[in-house]
């Protein structure tokens, strides 16, 4: 059985679309990283922590976890705490190219596979009105960087370079290839 160590509706949706049967068990772990870890390594570090936390209760299953981070000029943009925080994030990202890193960890049969994917995202220049209109949809509040590229946030994006699904929170093509090597066809829909 595959255990998704996440409550993310986007990760669930992507796994379902790829035809996998799984259960979702959000990891109960603090998202704290050592100070000396490079920005691009943070999501993978956190994904490993999440997977290991869930493995304790599901030692004989395949554990899949992920963590996504938005970075601009060395500053990390997680999920906004409130609307003002979302506004600040989107104002900072406006007209600039930022990086979205998604770290993934798969634990199975005593083995650990982890990796990070990175996508560059360029935003249009946004007016304050455009930013507030988007914030008032409620969409940005549970997303790293305060936007959802798969939803209304798509209109903020001028271009991307890399895997679209990395920005959504799970590089499903790479994840699917790795999972299919580990599971039997009877586990697929």
N, C-alpha and C. Protein backbone atom coordinates (compact mmCIF):
# COMPACT_ATOMS: atom_id res chain seq x y z
N UNK A 1 0.85 -1.18 0.00
CA UNK A 1 0.00 0.00 0.00
C UNK A 1 0.89 1.25 0.00
N UNK A 2 0.42 2.27 -0.68
CA UNK A 2 1.11 3.56 -0.68
C UNK A 2 0.47 4.44 0.39
N UNK A 3 1.31 5.05 1.20
CA UNK A 3 0.85 6.00 2.21
C UNK A 3 1.40 7.36 1.84
N UNK A 4 0.52 8.29 1.53
CA UNK A 4 0.91 9.66 1.22
C UNK A 4 1.00 10.43 2.54
N UNK A 5 2.20 10.85 2.88
CA UNK A 5 2.43 11.57 4.14
C UNK A 5 2.15 13.05 3.93
N UNK A 6 0.89 13.36 3.62
CA UNK A 6 0.50 14.74 3.31
C UNK A 6 -1.01 14.88 3.38
N UNK A 7 -1.44 16.08 3.72
CA UNK A 7 -2.87 16.41 3.68
C UNK A 7 -3.20 17.24 2.44
N UNK A 8 -2.21 17.51 1.61
CA UNK A 8 -2.39 18.40 0.46
C UNK A 8 -3.41 17.86 -0.53
N UNK A 9 -4.47 18.62 -0.80
CA UNK A 9 -5.44 18.17 -1.80
C UNK A 9 -4.83 18.09 -3.19
N UNK A 10 -3.84 18.92 -3.47
CA UNK A 10 -3.21 18.88 -4.80
C UNK A 10 -2.38 17.61 -4.98
N UNK A 11 -1.66 17.22 -3.96
CA UNK A 11 -0.88 15.97 -4.06
C UNK A 11 -1.81 14.77 -4.20
N UNK A 12 -2.89 14.76 -3.43
CA UNK A 12 -3.87 13.68 -3.54
C UNK A 12 -4.43 13.61 -4.97
N UNK A 13 -4.80 14.77 -5.50
CA UNK A 13 -5.37 14.83 -6.85
C UNK A 13 -4.39 14.28 -7.89
N UNK A 14 -3.13 14.66 -7.79
CA UNK A 14 -2.13 14.21 -8.76
C UNK A 14 -1.91 12.70 -8.67
N UNK A 15 -1.85 12.16 -7.47
CA UNK A 15 -1.69 10.70 -7.33
C UNK A 15 -2.90 9.96 -7.88
N UNK A 16 -4.10 10.49 -7.61
CA UNK A 16 -5.32 9.87 -8.15
C UNK A 16 -5.32 9.91 -9.67
N UNK A 17 -4.97 11.05 -10.24
CA UNK A 17 -4.92 11.19 -11.70
C UNK A 17 -3.95 10.19 -12.33
N UNK A 18 -2.86 9.90 -11.61
CA UNK A 18 -1.85 8.97 -12.12
C UNK A 18 -2.27 7.51 -11.93
N UNK A 19 -3.41 7.29 -11.27
CA UNK A 19 -3.96 5.95 -11.14
C UNK A 19 -3.51 5.16 -9.94
N UNK A 20 -2.95 5.80 -8.94
CA UNK A 20 -2.48 5.09 -7.76
C UNK A 20 -3.56 5.02 -6.68
N UNK A 21 -3.61 3.87 -6.01
CA UNK A 21 -4.44 3.74 -4.82
C UNK A 21 -3.54 4.03 -3.63
N UNK A 22 -4.06 4.79 -2.68
CA UNK A 22 -3.24 5.21 -1.55
C UNK A 22 -4.13 5.68 -0.42
N UNK A 23 -3.53 5.81 0.74
CA UNK A 23 -4.21 6.49 1.84
C UNK A 23 -3.38 7.72 2.18
N UNK A 24 -4.03 8.70 2.75
CA UNK A 24 -3.35 9.94 3.13
C UNK A 24 -3.26 10.01 4.65
N UNK A 25 -2.03 10.15 5.13
CA UNK A 25 -1.78 10.25 6.57
C UNK A 25 -0.83 11.43 6.77
N UNK A 26 -1.37 12.59 7.12
CA UNK A 26 -0.50 13.76 7.31
C UNK A 26 0.57 13.50 8.37
N UNK A 27 1.78 13.87 8.06
CA UNK A 27 2.90 13.69 9.00
C UNK A 27 2.79 14.68 10.15
N UNK A 28 3.04 14.18 11.35
CA UNK A 28 3.04 15.03 12.54
C UNK A 28 4.50 15.31 12.89
N UNK A 29 5.06 16.33 12.27
CA UNK A 29 6.46 16.68 12.52
C UNK A 29 6.64 18.18 12.37
N UNK A 30 7.58 18.71 13.12
CA UNK A 30 7.87 20.14 13.01
C UNK A 30 8.69 20.40 11.76
N UNK A 31 8.36 21.46 11.05
CA UNK A 31 9.08 21.80 9.83
C UNK A 31 10.22 22.76 10.14
N UNK A 32 11.22 22.21 10.82
CA UNK A 32 12.40 23.00 11.20
C UNK A 32 13.61 22.38 10.50
N UNK A 33 14.41 23.23 9.86
CA UNK A 33 15.62 22.74 9.19
C UNK A 33 16.85 23.35 9.84
N UNK A 34 17.95 22.60 9.87
CA UNK A 34 19.20 23.16 10.40
C UNK A 34 19.61 24.39 9.61
N UNK A 35 20.22 25.35 10.28
CA UNK A 35 20.58 26.62 9.65
C UNK A 35 21.51 26.48 8.46
N UNK A 36 22.38 25.49 8.47
CA UNK A 36 23.40 25.39 7.44
C UNK A 36 22.94 24.69 6.16
N UNK A 37 21.69 24.26 6.11
CA UNK A 37 21.19 23.59 4.91
C UNK A 37 20.90 24.64 3.83
N UNK A 38 21.35 24.37 2.61
CA UNK A 38 21.10 25.27 1.49
C UNK A 38 19.61 25.31 1.17
N UNK A 39 19.16 26.45 0.69
CA UNK A 39 17.74 26.64 0.38
C UNK A 39 17.21 25.52 -0.51
N UNK A 40 17.95 25.19 -1.55
CA UNK A 40 17.46 24.19 -2.50
C UNK A 40 17.40 22.78 -1.91
N UNK A 41 18.04 22.56 -0.76
CA UNK A 41 18.02 21.25 -0.11
C UNK A 41 16.94 21.15 0.98
N UNK A 42 16.36 22.26 1.36
CA UNK A 42 15.38 22.27 2.46
C UNK A 42 14.15 21.41 2.19
N UNK A 43 13.52 21.52 1.01
CA UNK A 43 12.31 20.71 0.79
C UNK A 43 12.57 19.21 0.87
N UNK A 44 13.70 18.76 0.33
CA UNK A 44 14.02 17.33 0.40
C UNK A 44 14.26 16.91 1.85
N UNK A 45 14.96 17.72 2.61
CA UNK A 45 15.20 17.44 4.02
C UNK A 45 13.87 17.28 4.76
N UNK A 46 12.94 18.20 4.52
CA UNK A 46 11.63 18.14 5.19
C UNK A 46 10.80 16.96 4.70
N UNK A 47 10.90 16.64 3.41
CA UNK A 47 10.17 15.48 2.88
C UNK A 47 10.65 14.20 3.56
N UNK A 48 11.95 14.07 3.75
CA UNK A 48 12.50 12.89 4.44
C UNK A 48 11.99 12.83 5.88
N UNK A 49 11.99 13.97 6.58
CA UNK A 49 11.48 13.99 7.97
C UNK A 49 10.01 13.55 8.02
N UNK A 50 9.21 14.05 7.08
CA UNK A 50 7.79 13.69 7.05
C UNK A 50 7.61 12.19 6.80
N UNK A 51 8.34 11.66 5.83
CA UNK A 51 8.23 10.23 5.50
C UNK A 51 8.65 9.37 6.70
N UNK A 52 9.74 9.74 7.33
CA UNK A 52 10.22 8.97 8.48
C UNK A 52 9.23 9.01 9.64
N UNK A 53 8.55 10.13 9.82
CA UNK A 53 7.55 10.25 10.89
C UNK A 53 6.38 9.30 10.66
N UNK A 54 5.95 9.17 9.41
CA UNK A 54 4.81 8.30 9.09
C UNK A 54 5.23 6.83 9.05
N UNK A 55 6.48 6.56 8.68
CA UNK A 55 6.98 5.19 8.59
C UNK A 55 6.82 4.43 9.91
N UNK A 56 6.91 5.12 11.02
CA UNK A 56 6.79 4.47 12.33
C UNK A 56 5.47 3.70 12.46
N UNK A 57 4.40 4.26 11.90
CA UNK A 57 3.09 3.62 11.99
C UNK A 57 2.78 2.72 10.80
N UNK A 58 3.56 2.81 9.73
CA UNK A 58 3.33 2.03 8.51
C UNK A 58 4.64 1.43 8.00
N UNK A 59 5.30 0.60 8.83
CA UNK A 59 6.65 0.12 8.48
C UNK A 59 6.71 -0.81 7.27
N UNK A 60 5.60 -1.42 6.89
CA UNK A 60 5.61 -2.38 5.78
C UNK A 60 5.03 -1.81 4.50
N UNK A 61 4.81 -0.51 4.47
CA UNK A 61 4.19 0.11 3.31
C UNK A 61 5.16 1.04 2.59
N UNK A 62 4.73 1.52 1.44
CA UNK A 62 5.50 2.51 0.69
C UNK A 62 5.06 3.89 1.17
N UNK A 63 5.99 4.66 1.66
CA UNK A 63 5.69 6.00 2.17
C UNK A 63 6.15 7.02 1.14
N UNK A 64 5.27 7.93 0.79
CA UNK A 64 5.58 9.02 -0.14
C UNK A 64 5.31 10.34 0.56
N UNK A 65 6.30 11.21 0.54
CA UNK A 65 6.10 12.54 1.12
C UNK A 65 6.74 13.58 0.21
N UNK A 66 6.31 14.81 0.40
CA UNK A 66 6.85 15.92 -0.41
C UNK A 66 6.75 17.21 0.39
N UNK A 67 7.59 18.15 0.01
CA UNK A 67 7.54 19.48 0.59
C UNK A 67 7.90 20.47 -0.50
N UNK A 68 7.17 21.57 -0.56
CA UNK A 68 7.38 22.57 -1.61
C UNK A 68 7.71 23.91 -0.98
N UNK A 69 8.66 24.60 -1.62
CA UNK A 69 9.13 25.88 -1.13
C UNK A 69 9.31 26.84 -2.30
N UNK A 70 8.93 28.08 -2.09
CA UNK A 70 9.15 29.14 -3.07
C UNK A 70 10.30 29.99 -2.57
N UNK A 71 11.25 30.30 -3.46
CA UNK A 71 12.44 31.07 -3.08
C UNK A 71 12.69 32.18 -4.08
N UNK A 72 12.97 33.36 -3.57
CA UNK A 72 13.35 34.50 -4.39
C UNK A 72 14.50 35.21 -3.69
N UNK A 73 15.62 35.31 -4.37
CA UNK A 73 16.80 36.01 -3.84
C UNK A 73 17.18 35.55 -2.43
N UNK A 74 17.12 34.24 -2.21
CA UNK A 74 17.52 33.68 -0.92
C UNK A 74 16.47 33.74 0.16
N UNK A 75 15.31 34.32 -0.13
CA UNK A 75 14.22 34.41 0.84
C UNK A 75 13.21 33.30 0.54
N UNK A 76 12.81 32.57 1.58
CA UNK A 76 11.84 31.49 1.46
C UNK A 76 10.44 32.05 1.69
N UNK A 77 9.51 31.66 0.81
CA UNK A 77 8.11 32.06 0.95
C UNK A 77 7.29 30.79 1.15
N UNK A 78 6.84 30.58 2.38
CA UNK A 78 5.99 29.44 2.69
C UNK A 78 4.53 29.80 2.50
N UNK A 79 3.68 29.18 3.28
CA UNK A 79 2.25 29.50 3.24
C UNK A 79 2.03 30.79 4.03
N UNK A 80 1.21 31.69 3.51
CA UNK A 80 0.97 32.94 4.23
C UNK A 80 0.13 32.70 5.48
N UNK A 81 0.45 33.45 6.53
CA UNK A 81 -0.30 33.34 7.77
C UNK A 81 -1.62 34.09 7.75
N UNK A 82 -1.67 35.14 6.93
CA UNK A 82 -2.88 35.95 6.83
C UNK A 82 -2.85 36.69 5.49
N UNK A 83 -3.88 37.49 5.23
CA UNK A 83 -3.98 38.18 3.94
C UNK A 83 -2.86 39.20 3.74
N UNK A 84 -2.45 39.87 4.79
CA UNK A 84 -1.36 40.85 4.65
C UNK A 84 -0.05 40.16 4.27
N UNK A 85 0.17 39.01 4.86
CA UNK A 85 1.35 38.22 4.53
C UNK A 85 1.29 37.76 3.07
N UNK A 86 0.12 37.33 2.63
CA UNK A 86 -0.06 36.92 1.22
C UNK A 86 0.21 38.10 0.30
N UNK A 87 -0.29 39.28 0.66
CA UNK A 87 -0.05 40.47 -0.16
C UNK A 87 1.45 40.75 -0.26
N UNK A 88 2.14 40.70 0.86
CA UNK A 88 3.58 40.97 0.88
C UNK A 88 4.32 39.97 -0.03
N UNK A 89 3.97 38.70 0.06
CA UNK A 89 4.62 37.69 -0.77
C UNK A 89 4.40 37.97 -2.25
N UNK A 90 3.15 38.20 -2.62
CA UNK A 90 2.83 38.41 -4.03
C UNK A 90 3.43 39.71 -4.55
N UNK A 91 3.50 40.73 -3.72
CA UNK A 91 4.15 41.98 -4.11
C UNK A 91 5.63 41.73 -4.39
N UNK A 92 6.28 40.93 -3.55
CA UNK A 92 7.70 40.61 -3.74
C UNK A 92 7.94 39.80 -5.01
N UNK A 93 7.03 38.89 -5.33
CA UNK A 93 7.18 38.03 -6.50
C UNK A 93 6.82 38.74 -7.80
N UNK A 94 6.05 39.81 -7.71
CA UNK A 94 5.56 40.54 -8.87
C UNK A 94 6.69 40.98 -9.80
N UNK A 95 6.56 40.62 -11.08
CA UNK A 95 7.51 41.05 -12.10
C UNK A 95 8.86 40.35 -12.05
N UNK A 96 8.99 39.35 -11.21
CA UNK A 96 10.29 38.69 -11.03
C UNK A 96 10.19 37.20 -11.32
N UNK A 97 11.35 36.59 -11.47
CA UNK A 97 11.45 35.14 -11.63
C UNK A 97 11.91 34.54 -10.30
N UNK A 98 11.15 33.58 -9.83
CA UNK A 98 11.51 32.90 -8.59
C UNK A 98 11.66 31.39 -8.85
N UNK A 99 12.14 30.69 -7.86
CA UNK A 99 12.31 29.24 -7.95
C UNK A 99 11.29 28.55 -7.06
N UNK A 100 10.75 27.46 -7.57
CA UNK A 100 9.90 26.58 -6.76
C UNK A 100 10.62 25.24 -6.66
N UNK A 101 10.90 24.84 -5.44
CA UNK A 101 11.57 23.57 -5.17
C UNK A 101 10.58 22.62 -4.53
N UNK A 102 10.49 21.41 -5.06
CA UNK A 102 9.72 20.37 -4.40
C UNK A 102 10.65 19.20 -4.11
N UNK A 103 10.76 18.88 -2.83
CA UNK A 103 11.53 17.72 -2.39
C UNK A 103 10.59 16.56 -2.20
N UNK A 104 11.04 15.38 -2.58
CA UNK A 104 10.23 14.17 -2.51
C UNK A 104 11.03 13.08 -1.81
N UNK A 105 10.35 12.28 -1.01
CA UNK A 105 10.97 11.12 -0.38
C UNK A 105 10.05 9.92 -0.54
N UNK A 106 10.64 8.80 -0.93
CA UNK A 106 9.92 7.53 -1.01
C UNK A 106 10.68 6.53 -0.15
N UNK A 107 9.99 5.96 0.83
CA UNK A 107 10.57 4.92 1.68
C UNK A 107 9.85 3.61 1.38
N UNK A 108 10.63 2.57 1.06
CA UNK A 108 10.03 1.27 0.76
C UNK A 108 11.08 0.18 0.97
N UNK A 109 10.66 -0.90 1.59
CA UNK A 109 11.52 -2.08 1.75
C UNK A 109 12.87 -1.73 2.38
N UNK A 110 12.87 -0.84 3.35
CA UNK A 110 14.10 -0.46 4.01
C UNK A 110 15.01 0.46 3.22
N UNK A 111 14.55 0.88 2.06
CA UNK A 111 15.33 1.76 1.19
C UNK A 111 14.73 3.17 1.21
N UNK A 112 15.59 4.15 0.97
CA UNK A 112 15.13 5.54 0.89
C UNK A 112 15.57 6.12 -0.45
N UNK A 113 14.61 6.70 -1.14
CA UNK A 113 14.90 7.45 -2.36
C UNK A 113 14.39 8.86 -2.14
N UNK A 114 15.25 9.84 -2.33
CA UNK A 114 14.79 11.22 -2.21
C UNK A 114 15.44 12.06 -3.29
N UNK A 115 14.72 13.08 -3.71
CA UNK A 115 15.22 13.96 -4.76
C UNK A 115 14.49 15.29 -4.70
N UNK A 116 15.02 16.26 -5.41
CA UNK A 116 14.42 17.59 -5.48
C UNK A 116 14.29 17.99 -6.94
N UNK A 117 13.17 18.61 -7.27
CA UNK A 117 13.00 19.21 -8.60
C UNK A 117 12.84 20.71 -8.42
N UNK A 118 13.23 21.45 -9.44
CA UNK A 118 13.17 22.91 -9.39
C UNK A 118 12.55 23.45 -10.67
N UNK A 119 11.65 24.38 -10.53
CA UNK A 119 11.03 25.06 -11.67
C UNK A 119 11.15 26.56 -11.45
N UNK A 120 11.51 27.26 -12.52
CA UNK A 120 11.56 28.72 -12.47
C UNK A 120 10.20 29.25 -12.91
N UNK A 121 9.69 30.21 -12.16
CA UNK A 121 8.39 30.81 -12.46
C UNK A 121 8.56 32.32 -12.54
N UNK A 122 8.11 32.90 -13.64
CA UNK A 122 8.15 34.36 -13.80
C UNK A 122 6.74 34.90 -13.69
N UNK A 123 6.58 35.91 -12.84
CA UNK A 123 5.29 36.57 -12.67
C UNK A 123 5.21 37.81 -13.55
N UNK A 124 4.00 38.14 -13.96
CA UNK A 124 3.74 39.45 -14.56
C UNK A 124 3.91 40.50 -13.47
N UNK A 125 4.09 41.76 -13.87
CA UNK A 125 4.01 42.85 -12.91
C UNK A 125 2.56 42.94 -12.47
N UNK A 126 2.32 42.96 -11.18
CA UNK A 126 0.96 42.95 -10.65
C UNK A 126 0.66 44.26 -9.94
N UNK A 127 -0.54 44.78 -10.19
CA UNK A 127 -0.98 45.96 -9.46
C UNK A 127 -1.46 45.52 -8.08
N UNK A 128 -1.53 46.46 -7.15
CA UNK A 128 -2.07 46.15 -5.83
C UNK A 128 -3.49 45.62 -5.95
N UNK A 129 -4.26 46.21 -6.87
CA UNK A 129 -5.65 45.77 -7.06
C UNK A 129 -5.70 44.31 -7.53
N UNK A 130 -4.83 43.94 -8.47
CA UNK A 130 -4.80 42.56 -8.94
C UNK A 130 -4.45 41.60 -7.81
N UNK A 131 -3.49 42.01 -6.99
CA UNK A 131 -3.07 41.16 -5.88
C UNK A 131 -4.22 40.98 -4.88
N UNK A 132 -4.87 42.09 -4.50
CA UNK A 132 -5.97 41.98 -3.53
C UNK A 132 -7.15 41.20 -4.11
N UNK A 133 -7.44 41.39 -5.39
CA UNK A 133 -8.52 40.61 -6.02
C UNK A 133 -8.24 39.12 -5.90
N UNK A 134 -7.00 38.75 -6.15
CA UNK A 134 -6.63 37.34 -6.07
C UNK A 134 -6.69 36.85 -4.62
N UNK A 135 -6.18 37.62 -3.70
CA UNK A 135 -6.20 37.23 -2.28
C UNK A 135 -7.63 37.02 -1.80
N UNK A 136 -8.54 37.88 -2.24
CA UNK A 136 -9.93 37.78 -1.79
C UNK A 136 -10.65 36.54 -2.33
N UNK A 137 -10.05 35.82 -3.27
CA UNK A 137 -10.63 34.54 -3.70
C UNK A 137 -10.41 33.47 -2.63
N UNK A 138 -9.46 33.72 -1.73
CA UNK A 138 -9.11 32.74 -0.69
C UNK A 138 -8.11 31.69 -1.15
N UNK A 139 -7.85 31.64 -2.43
CA UNK A 139 -6.99 30.59 -2.98
C UNK A 139 -5.55 30.60 -2.44
N UNK A 140 -4.94 31.76 -2.24
CA UNK A 140 -3.52 31.73 -1.88
C UNK A 140 -3.20 31.29 -0.45
N UNK A 141 -4.20 31.16 0.39
CA UNK A 141 -3.93 31.04 1.82
C UNK A 141 -3.29 29.71 2.26
N UNK A 142 -3.42 28.65 1.48
CA UNK A 142 -2.81 27.38 1.90
C UNK A 142 -1.72 26.92 0.94
N UNK A 143 -1.09 27.89 0.27
CA UNK A 143 -0.11 27.53 -0.75
C UNK A 143 1.21 28.26 -0.53
N UNK A 144 2.31 27.54 -0.74
CA UNK A 144 3.63 28.14 -0.66
C UNK A 144 3.72 29.27 -1.68
N UNK A 145 4.23 30.41 -1.24
CA UNK A 145 4.35 31.56 -2.14
C UNK A 145 3.05 32.30 -2.35
N UNK A 146 1.98 31.84 -1.73
CA UNK A 146 0.67 32.49 -1.78
C UNK A 146 0.01 32.47 -3.16
N UNK A 147 0.30 31.41 -3.95
CA UNK A 147 -0.42 31.29 -5.22
C UNK A 147 -0.54 29.83 -5.62
N UNK A 148 -1.60 29.56 -6.38
CA UNK A 148 -1.83 28.23 -6.93
C UNK A 148 -1.80 28.31 -8.44
N UNK A 149 -0.76 27.79 -9.05
CA UNK A 149 -0.60 27.88 -10.50
C UNK A 149 -1.69 27.10 -11.23
N UNK A 150 -2.27 26.10 -10.57
CA UNK A 150 -3.29 25.27 -11.20
C UNK A 150 -4.68 25.88 -11.10
N UNK A 151 -4.80 26.98 -10.38
CA UNK A 151 -6.10 27.62 -10.20
C UNK A 151 -6.10 29.03 -10.76
N UNK A 152 -6.75 29.93 -10.03
CA UNK A 152 -6.82 31.33 -10.48
C UNK A 152 -5.46 32.01 -10.50
N UNK A 153 -4.53 31.48 -9.74
CA UNK A 153 -3.17 32.02 -9.72
C UNK A 153 -2.46 31.89 -11.06
N UNK A 154 -3.01 31.09 -11.96
CA UNK A 154 -2.41 30.93 -13.29
C UNK A 154 -2.28 32.27 -14.01
N UNK A 155 -3.20 33.20 -13.75
CA UNK A 155 -3.16 34.49 -14.46
C UNK A 155 -2.03 35.39 -13.98
N UNK A 156 -1.39 35.03 -12.88
CA UNK A 156 -0.25 35.81 -12.38
C UNK A 156 1.05 35.43 -13.09
N UNK A 157 1.05 34.26 -13.72
CA UNK A 157 2.27 33.64 -14.24
C UNK A 157 2.48 34.00 -15.71
N UNK A 158 3.64 34.58 -15.97
CA UNK A 158 4.02 34.94 -17.35
C UNK A 158 4.61 33.73 -18.07
N UNK A 159 5.51 33.01 -17.39
CA UNK A 159 6.09 31.80 -17.99
C UNK A 159 6.71 30.94 -16.90
N UNK A 160 6.87 29.66 -17.25
CA UNK A 160 7.60 28.76 -16.36
C UNK A 160 8.67 28.03 -17.16
N UNK A 161 9.70 27.64 -16.46
CA UNK A 161 10.76 26.84 -17.06
C UNK A 161 10.98 25.65 -16.14
N UNK A 162 10.51 24.48 -16.58
CA UNK A 162 10.61 23.28 -15.76
C UNK A 162 9.28 22.58 -15.67
N UNK A 163 9.16 21.72 -14.68
CA UNK A 163 7.99 20.87 -14.49
C UNK A 163 6.84 21.64 -13.82
N UNK A 164 5.73 21.76 -14.51
CA UNK A 164 4.54 22.42 -13.98
C UNK A 164 4.13 21.79 -12.64
N UNK A 165 4.21 20.47 -12.56
CA UNK A 165 3.72 19.77 -11.37
C UNK A 165 4.63 19.96 -10.16
N UNK A 166 5.87 20.35 -10.38
CA UNK A 166 6.73 20.74 -9.26
C UNK A 166 6.10 21.93 -8.55
N UNK A 167 5.57 22.87 -9.33
CA UNK A 167 4.95 24.06 -8.76
C UNK A 167 3.65 23.70 -8.03
N UNK A 168 2.95 22.68 -8.52
CA UNK A 168 1.73 22.21 -7.86
C UNK A 168 2.02 21.47 -6.56
N UNK A 169 3.26 20.99 -6.40
CA UNK A 169 3.61 20.34 -5.15
C UNK A 169 4.02 18.89 -5.24
N UNK A 170 3.98 18.31 -6.46
CA UNK A 170 4.40 16.92 -6.63
C UNK A 170 4.77 16.68 -8.09
N UNK A 171 6.05 16.48 -8.39
CA UNK A 171 6.47 16.22 -9.77
C UNK A 171 6.01 14.81 -10.17
N UNK A 172 4.74 14.69 -10.54
CA UNK A 172 4.07 13.40 -10.65
C UNK A 172 4.69 12.48 -11.70
N UNK A 173 5.27 13.02 -12.76
CA UNK A 173 5.91 12.17 -13.76
C UNK A 173 7.05 11.37 -13.16
N UNK A 174 7.95 12.06 -12.48
CA UNK A 174 9.10 11.40 -11.85
C UNK A 174 8.64 10.50 -10.70
N UNK A 175 7.70 10.98 -9.90
CA UNK A 175 7.19 10.18 -8.78
C UNK A 175 6.55 8.90 -9.30
N UNK A 176 5.74 9.02 -10.34
CA UNK A 176 5.05 7.87 -10.90
C UNK A 176 6.04 6.81 -11.40
N UNK A 177 7.07 7.25 -12.10
CA UNK A 177 8.08 6.30 -12.60
C UNK A 177 8.74 5.55 -11.45
N UNK A 178 9.07 6.27 -10.41
CA UNK A 178 9.75 5.64 -9.27
C UNK A 178 8.82 4.71 -8.49
N UNK A 179 7.55 5.13 -8.31
CA UNK A 179 6.60 4.29 -7.58
C UNK A 179 6.30 3.01 -8.35
N UNK A 180 6.14 3.11 -9.66
CA UNK A 180 5.78 1.93 -10.46
C UNK A 180 6.87 0.86 -10.41
N UNK A 181 8.10 1.25 -10.14
CA UNK A 181 9.17 0.26 -9.98
C UNK A 181 9.03 -0.50 -8.66
N UNK A 182 8.31 0.09 -7.71
CA UNK A 182 8.22 -0.48 -6.37
C UNK A 182 6.96 -1.29 -6.10
N UNK A 183 5.92 -1.06 -6.89
CA UNK A 183 4.63 -1.69 -6.58
C UNK A 183 4.23 -2.71 -7.63
N UNK A 184 3.32 -3.56 -7.23
CA UNK A 184 2.77 -4.56 -8.14
C UNK A 184 1.57 -3.94 -8.86
N UNK A 185 1.26 -4.41 -10.07
CA UNK A 185 0.11 -3.87 -10.81
C UNK A 185 -1.21 -3.95 -10.04
N UNK A 186 -1.36 -4.88 -9.11
CA UNK A 186 -2.61 -4.98 -8.35
C UNK A 186 -2.86 -3.78 -7.46
N UNK A 187 -1.83 -2.98 -7.20
CA UNK A 187 -2.00 -1.78 -6.37
C UNK A 187 -2.48 -0.59 -7.18
N UNK A 188 -2.56 -0.72 -8.49
CA UNK A 188 -2.97 0.40 -9.34
C UNK A 188 -4.45 0.30 -9.64
N UNK A 189 -5.04 1.45 -9.91
CA UNK A 189 -6.46 1.48 -10.30
C UNK A 189 -6.60 0.97 -11.72
